[in-house]
């Protein structure tokens, strides 16, 4: 009886490990193929940047750049391209929308480096960046661990603890006691896996949810403790400063602009970074706030009161055009 029971258990565990091994191999196969496919996809997006007779502009951002809530042709990059080609004679413009809904500022830094290091990087004339809205919830590829470690080292040693090339005044001051929770660490690990991202995307679509959940983050931020927000502010300062430094390293013009309702954490961090590096900054928030004195939210925004409608994106495109004209004269 005991021998039979042992053999049954042995057979069960044997089958269990075979199934587990098969699932692991399947996971690795899917993961590797998704990474290869993603590489081809990115290369396909960037290959549009060609030609010496064209002024090539790339727009990095999240759903606010992608054009969530409107037809893709009404996104601000598409409308900007139309304005430039209509009003600026003697030069052909191509504005390439490289936005990914839900992307965070760490991912935009990583993506910019890939673009400028690649074969098409040399053809880029101008970079436009709008980022930061998703840093509080999307931990994929996040540099938040660097910020926390840097804070710890500086707090312990009384000096900056990082080897990154950034300036002390732009990153922020003050002690931070914030620690990543176990759940945060697990999320960071999971979001590195393409398979996990794919399964989550499938789940969200089955549930009927918007795949760009940052739409309502403006209302949720007050739930974060002050120490968390300070870390997130430092994270955005860090990533924006590195984005600007990367653009300068490759000799590219860069413009930063803020969201129609301002930076997510209340401070003018994007403007602060732009002023520090003496680069152009477009204050969309001021323009929209001024317009809202005479217009309703429905005149400028879609139902979530965060993402612009077609007219709102046209306003953003017009704001950028005013600054780009000056950049063209400098080039």
Protein backbone atom coordinates (compact mmCIF):
# COMPACT_ATOMS: atom_id res chain seq x y z
CA UNK A 1 0.00 0.00 0.00
CA UNK A 2 2.74 2.44 1.04
CA UNK A 3 4.82 1.48 -2.00
CA UNK A 4 1.85 2.06 -4.33
CA UNK A 5 1.19 5.43 -2.70
CA UNK A 6 4.86 6.40 -3.09
CA UNK A 7 4.80 5.43 -6.77
CA UNK A 8 1.64 7.47 -7.31
CA UNK A 9 3.26 10.51 -5.68
CA UNK A 10 6.42 9.96 -7.69
CA UNK A 11 4.44 9.76 -10.93
CA UNK A 12 2.46 12.87 -9.96
CA UNK A 13 5.60 14.94 -9.28
CA UNK A 14 7.21 13.68 -12.47
CA UNK A 15 4.24 14.85 -14.52
CA UNK A 16 4.10 18.09 -12.54
CA UNK A 17 7.74 18.95 -13.30
CA UNK A 18 7.31 18.02 -16.98
CA UNK A 19 4.33 20.39 -17.22
CA UNK A 20 6.22 23.09 -15.28
CA UNK A 21 9.27 22.73 -17.53
CA UNK A 22 7.07 22.86 -20.65
CA UNK A 23 5.36 26.03 -19.41
CA UNK A 24 8.74 27.60 -18.66
CA UNK A 25 10.00 26.78 -22.16
CA UNK A 26 6.80 28.19 -23.65
CA UNK A 27 7.20 31.36 -21.58
CA UNK A 28 10.82 31.79 -22.72
CA UNK A 29 9.82 31.20 -26.35
CA UNK A 30 7.06 33.83 -26.18
CA UNK A 31 9.27 36.29 -24.27
CA UNK A 32 12.16 36.03 -26.75
CA UNK A 33 9.87 36.39 -29.76
CA UNK A 34 8.06 39.38 -28.26
CA UNK A 35 11.41 41.11 -27.68
CA UNK A 36 12.51 40.40 -31.26
CA UNK A 37 9.17 41.65 -32.60
CA UNK A 38 9.38 44.79 -30.45
CA UNK A 39 12.82 45.49 -31.89
CA UNK A 40 11.50 45.25 -35.46
CA UNK A 41 8.50 47.39 -34.52
CA UNK A 42 10.66 50.17 -33.10
CA UNK A 43 12.99 50.03 -36.07
CA UNK A 44 9.97 50.31 -38.37
CA UNK A 45 8.75 53.43 -36.56
CA UNK A 46 12.14 55.11 -36.72
CA UNK A 47 12.91 54.31 -40.37
CA UNK A 48 10.45 57.06 -41.32
CA UNK A 49 13.18 59.51 -40.27
CA UNK A 50 15.09 59.86 -43.52
CA UNK A 51 16.13 62.44 -46.07
CA UNK A 52 18.44 65.44 -45.99
CA UNK A 53 15.82 67.65 -47.64
CA UNK A 54 13.39 67.21 -44.75
CA UNK A 55 13.31 68.80 -41.29
CA UNK A 56 12.61 65.75 -39.11
CA UNK A 57 10.86 66.20 -35.77
CA UNK A 58 10.25 63.33 -33.35
CA UNK A 59 7.65 63.60 -30.59
CA UNK A 60 8.20 61.47 -27.49
CA UNK A 61 5.35 61.16 -25.03
CA UNK A 62 2.45 59.19 -23.65
CA UNK A 63 -1.27 59.21 -24.46
CA UNK A 64 -1.29 63.03 -24.58
CA UNK A 65 1.09 62.86 -27.53
CA UNK A 66 -0.39 59.70 -29.04
CA UNK A 67 -3.78 61.40 -29.26
CA UNK A 68 -5.98 59.28 -27.02
CA UNK A 69 -9.62 60.28 -27.32
CA UNK A 70 -9.43 61.54 -30.91
CA UNK A 71 -8.62 60.22 -34.35
CA UNK A 72 -4.85 59.70 -34.69
CA UNK A 73 -4.76 62.33 -37.44
CA UNK A 74 -5.94 64.91 -34.89
CA UNK A 75 -3.09 64.29 -32.44
CA UNK A 76 -0.89 67.32 -31.85
CA UNK A 77 2.08 65.88 -33.85
CA UNK A 78 -0.12 65.37 -36.93
CA UNK A 79 -1.68 68.80 -36.63
CA UNK A 80 1.76 70.34 -36.06
CA UNK A 81 3.08 68.79 -39.28
CA UNK A 82 0.16 70.28 -41.22
CA UNK A 83 0.73 73.75 -39.73
CA UNK A 84 4.46 73.68 -40.45
CA UNK A 85 4.08 72.56 -44.05
CA UNK A 86 1.35 75.13 -44.67
CA UNK A 87 3.07 78.13 -43.10
CA UNK A 88 6.78 77.50 -43.63
CA UNK A 89 7.76 77.56 -47.30
CA UNK A 90 11.09 76.36 -48.63
CA UNK A 91 11.38 73.49 -46.16
CA UNK A 92 9.58 70.17 -45.90
CA UNK A 93 8.63 68.97 -42.43
CA UNK A 94 8.01 65.49 -41.13
CA UNK A 95 6.66 65.17 -37.58
CA UNK A 96 6.87 61.59 -36.33
CA UNK A 97 4.65 60.51 -33.46
CA UNK A 98 6.65 58.03 -31.36
CA UNK A 99 4.31 58.18 -28.36
CA UNK A 100 3.34 55.10 -26.36
CA UNK A 101 0.20 55.41 -24.19
CA UNK A 102 1.06 54.72 -20.57
CA UNK A 103 4.83 55.16 -21.00
CA UNK A 104 6.77 56.79 -18.17
CA UNK A 105 9.65 59.28 -18.27
CA UNK A 106 12.28 56.58 -17.64
CA UNK A 107 11.10 54.73 -20.74
CA UNK A 108 11.22 57.92 -22.79
CA UNK A 109 14.84 58.44 -21.72
CA UNK A 110 15.69 54.86 -22.69
CA UNK A 111 13.87 55.12 -26.03
CA UNK A 112 15.55 58.43 -26.93
CA UNK A 113 18.98 56.89 -26.38
CA UNK A 114 18.05 53.97 -28.65
CA UNK A 115 16.86 56.34 -31.39
CA UNK A 116 19.88 58.64 -31.35
CA UNK A 117 22.35 55.74 -31.19
CA UNK A 118 20.63 54.04 -34.13
CA UNK A 119 21.18 54.42 -37.85
CA UNK A 120 18.38 56.99 -38.19
CA UNK A 121 19.47 59.14 -35.26
CA UNK A 122 21.60 61.42 -37.40
CA UNK A 123 18.56 62.50 -39.44
CA UNK A 124 16.68 63.81 -36.38
CA UNK A 125 16.62 67.63 -36.34
CA UNK A 126 14.35 68.36 -33.38
CA UNK A 127 13.03 66.43 -30.37
CA UNK A 128 9.79 67.38 -28.61
CA UNK A 129 9.14 65.78 -25.21
CA UNK A 130 6.03 65.65 -23.01
CA UNK A 131 6.35 63.17 -20.16
CA UNK A 132 5.82 62.42 -16.47
CA UNK A 133 2.10 61.64 -16.13
CA UNK A 134 2.66 57.91 -15.68
CA UNK A 135 5.65 57.85 -13.33
CA UNK A 136 3.45 57.32 -10.28
CA UNK A 137 1.92 54.03 -11.40
CA UNK A 138 4.00 52.59 -14.27
CA UNK A 139 7.22 51.15 -12.83
CA UNK A 140 8.36 49.52 -16.08
CA UNK A 141 12.05 50.37 -16.68
CA UNK A 142 11.72 52.98 -13.93
CA UNK A 143 14.80 54.78 -12.60
CA UNK A 144 13.12 55.27 -9.24
CA UNK A 145 15.57 52.86 -7.56
CA UNK A 146 18.45 55.09 -8.70
CA UNK A 147 16.80 58.12 -7.13
CA UNK A 148 16.16 56.36 -3.83
CA UNK A 149 19.72 54.97 -3.69
CA UNK A 150 21.15 58.38 -4.53
CA UNK A 151 19.11 59.93 -1.71
CA UNK A 152 20.28 57.27 0.74
CA UNK A 153 23.93 57.74 -0.19
CA UNK A 154 23.74 61.50 0.06
CA UNK A 155 21.88 61.34 3.36
CA UNK A 156 24.50 58.97 4.78
CA UNK A 157 27.56 60.72 3.37
CA UNK A 158 26.36 64.31 3.22
CA UNK A 159 27.02 64.47 -0.49
CA UNK A 160 25.66 63.33 -3.82
CA UNK A 161 25.97 59.55 -4.08
CA UNK A 162 25.43 58.97 -7.78
CA UNK A 163 27.85 58.79 -10.67
CA UNK A 164 25.33 60.23 -13.15
CA UNK A 165 26.16 63.53 -14.81
CA UNK A 166 23.45 65.79 -13.44
CA UNK A 167 23.55 68.97 -11.39
CA UNK A 168 22.69 68.98 -7.71
CA UNK A 169 20.29 71.90 -7.88
CA UNK A 170 18.11 70.40 -10.62
CA UNK A 171 17.58 67.04 -8.89
CA UNK A 172 16.22 68.46 -5.65
CA UNK A 173 17.20 68.57 -2.02
CA UNK A 174 16.02 67.18 1.30
CA UNK A 175 16.10 63.79 2.97
CA UNK A 176 13.81 61.04 1.76
CA UNK A 177 12.96 58.03 3.91
CA UNK A 178 10.98 56.33 1.15
CA UNK A 179 11.62 52.65 0.52
CA UNK A 180 10.31 50.54 -2.32
CA UNK A 181 7.77 48.05 -1.02
CA UNK A 182 7.96 44.38 -1.93
CA UNK A 183 4.96 44.93 -4.21
CA UNK A 184 6.83 47.76 -5.98
CA UNK A 185 9.87 45.54 -6.51
CA UNK A 186 7.70 42.72 -7.86
CA UNK A 187 5.97 45.18 -10.22
CA UNK A 188 9.30 46.49 -11.48
CA UNK A 189 10.42 42.93 -12.20
CA UNK A 190 7.16 41.89 -13.87
CA UNK A 191 7.04 44.98 -16.08
CA UNK A 192 10.42 44.00 -17.52
CA UNK A 193 8.74 40.92 -18.99
CA UNK A 194 7.09 41.40 -22.39
CA UNK A 195 4.86 38.39 -21.75
CA UNK A 196 3.46 39.99 -18.60
CA UNK A 197 2.77 43.25 -20.46
CA UNK A 198 0.99 41.34 -23.23
CA UNK A 199 -1.17 39.37 -20.79
CA UNK A 200 -2.04 42.52 -18.86
CA UNK A 201 -3.01 44.29 -22.08
CA UNK A 202 -5.25 41.36 -23.05
CA UNK A 203 -6.84 41.39 -19.59
CA UNK A 204 -7.54 45.13 -19.70
CA UNK A 205 -9.14 44.85 -23.12
CA UNK A 206 -11.30 41.90 -22.03
CA UNK A 207 -12.42 43.93 -19.02
CA UNK A 208 -13.23 46.79 -21.37
CA UNK A 209 -10.88 49.25 -19.71
CA UNK A 210 -8.98 52.04 -21.43
CA UNK A 211 -5.42 50.85 -22.10
CA UNK A 212 -4.20 54.30 -21.02
CA UNK A 213 -5.12 54.38 -17.31
CA UNK A 214 -3.17 57.58 -16.67
CA UNK A 215 -6.26 59.54 -17.73
CA UNK A 216 -7.55 59.82 -14.17
CA UNK A 217 -4.22 60.02 -12.33
CA UNK A 218 -4.62 63.76 -11.84
CA UNK A 219 -7.36 62.99 -9.32
CA UNK A 220 -5.49 60.16 -7.58
CA UNK A 221 -2.19 61.86 -6.82
CA UNK A 222 -3.35 63.40 -3.49
CA UNK A 223 -3.59 59.85 -2.13
CA UNK A 224 0.20 59.58 -2.26
CA UNK A 225 2.13 60.48 0.88
CA UNK A 226 4.34 63.57 0.70
CA UNK A 227 7.53 61.52 0.76
CA UNK A 228 6.35 59.49 -2.26
CA UNK A 229 5.57 62.62 -4.23
CA UNK A 230 9.00 64.07 -3.44
CA UNK A 231 10.64 60.95 -4.84
CA UNK A 232 8.46 61.14 -7.95
CA UNK A 233 9.37 64.80 -8.41
CA UNK A 234 13.06 63.92 -8.20
CA UNK A 235 12.48 61.06 -10.64
CA UNK A 236 10.95 63.41 -13.21
CA UNK A 237 13.73 65.98 -12.72
CA UNK A 238 16.33 63.27 -13.17
CA UNK A 239 14.81 61.78 -16.31
CA UNK A 240 14.09 65.14 -17.94
CA UNK A 241 17.62 66.36 -17.24
CA UNK A 242 19.08 63.16 -18.69
CA UNK A 243 16.81 63.45 -21.73
CA UNK A 244 18.06 67.00 -22.36
CA UNK A 245 21.69 65.98 -21.79
CA UNK A 246 21.27 63.07 -24.24
CA UNK A 247 19.86 65.40 -26.90
CA UNK A 248 22.71 67.87 -26.36
CA UNK A 249 25.28 65.07 -26.50
CA UNK A 250 24.13 64.24 -30.03
CA UNK A 251 23.82 67.91 -31.02
CA UNK A 252 20.02 67.89 -31.33
CA UNK A 253 17.55 70.71 -30.70
CA UNK A 254 15.01 69.83 -28.00
CA UNK A 255 11.79 71.43 -26.75
CA UNK A 256 10.03 70.53 -23.50
CA UNK A 257 6.36 71.28 -22.92
CA UNK A 258 3.92 70.59 -20.11
CA UNK A 259 0.48 69.03 -19.96
CA UNK A 260 -2.62 71.14 -20.63
CA UNK A 261 -3.40 70.96 -16.92
CA UNK A 262 0.20 71.38 -15.81
CA UNK A 263 2.80 69.07 -14.31
CA UNK A 264 1.25 66.21 -12.40
CA UNK A 265 2.79 67.01 -9.02
CA UNK A 266 1.89 70.69 -8.82
CA UNK A 267 5.41 72.08 -9.29
CA UNK A 268 6.62 73.49 -12.60
CA UNK A 269 9.29 70.81 -12.89
CA UNK A 270 9.37 70.71 -16.70
CA UNK A 271 9.79 74.48 -16.91
CA UNK A 272 12.42 74.36 -14.17
CA UNK A 273 14.51 71.84 -16.12
CA UNK A 274 14.11 73.80 -19.36
CA UNK A 275 15.26 77.01 -17.67
CA UNK A 276 18.25 75.26 -16.12
CA UNK A 277 19.47 73.97 -19.48
CA UNK A 278 18.41 77.14 -21.34
CA UNK A 279 16.25 75.29 -23.85
CA UNK A 280 12.80 76.24 -25.23
CA UNK A 281 9.76 75.51 -23.06
CA UNK A 282 6.12 75.62 -24.12
CA UNK A 283 3.68 76.38 -21.30
CA UNK A 284 0.50 74.65 -22.47
CA UNK A 285 -1.01 74.88 -18.98
CA UNK A 286 -0.98 78.68 -18.97
CA UNK A 287 -2.62 78.83 -22.40
CA UNK A 288 -5.34 76.33 -21.45
CA UNK A 289 -5.99 78.05 -18.11
CA UNK A 290 -6.42 81.33 -19.94
CA UNK A 291 -8.81 79.77 -22.47
CA UNK A 292 -10.87 78.17 -19.68
CA UNK A 293 -11.82 81.63 -18.44
CA UNK A 294 -14.14 81.92 -21.44
CA UNK A 295 -14.58 78.28 -22.48
CA UNK A 296 -15.85 75.13 -20.78
CA UNK A 297 -13.84 71.95 -20.28
CA UNK A 298 -15.88 70.24 -22.99
CA UNK A 299 -14.64 72.84 -25.48
CA UNK A 300 -11.03 71.78 -24.93
CA UNK A 301 -11.04 68.27 -23.44
CA UNK A 302 -12.60 64.87 -23.95
CA UNK A 303 -14.83 63.30 -21.29
CA UNK A 304 -12.00 62.75 -18.77
CA UNK A 305 -11.21 66.51 -18.59
CA UNK A 306 -7.50 65.66 -18.90
CA UNK A 307 -6.82 64.65 -22.50
CA UNK A 308 -7.51 67.36 -25.08
CA UNK A 309 -10.06 66.99 -27.84
CA UNK A 310 -9.20 67.76 -31.46
CA UNK A 311 -9.41 71.50 -30.83
CA UNK A 312 -7.28 71.15 -27.69
CA UNK A 313 -4.57 69.29 -29.61
CA UNK A 314 -4.71 72.04 -32.24
CA UNK A 315 -3.97 74.56 -29.48
CA UNK A 316 -0.95 72.49 -28.38
CA UNK A 317 0.29 72.28 -31.97
CA UNK A 318 -0.05 76.04 -32.35
CA UNK A 319 1.85 76.66 -29.12
CA UNK A 320 4.73 74.51 -30.37
CA UNK A 321 4.73 76.09 -33.82
CA UNK A 322 5.44 79.50 -32.30
CA UNK A 323 8.61 78.15 -30.66
CA UNK A 324 9.68 75.90 -33.54
CA UNK A 325 9.84 78.89 -35.88
CA UNK A 326 12.65 80.26 -33.71
CA UNK A 327 14.45 76.89 -33.70
CA UNK A 328 14.33 76.77 -37.50
CA UNK A 329 16.01 80.17 -37.70
CA UNK A 330 18.80 78.92 -35.41
CA UNK A 331 19.42 75.67 -37.36
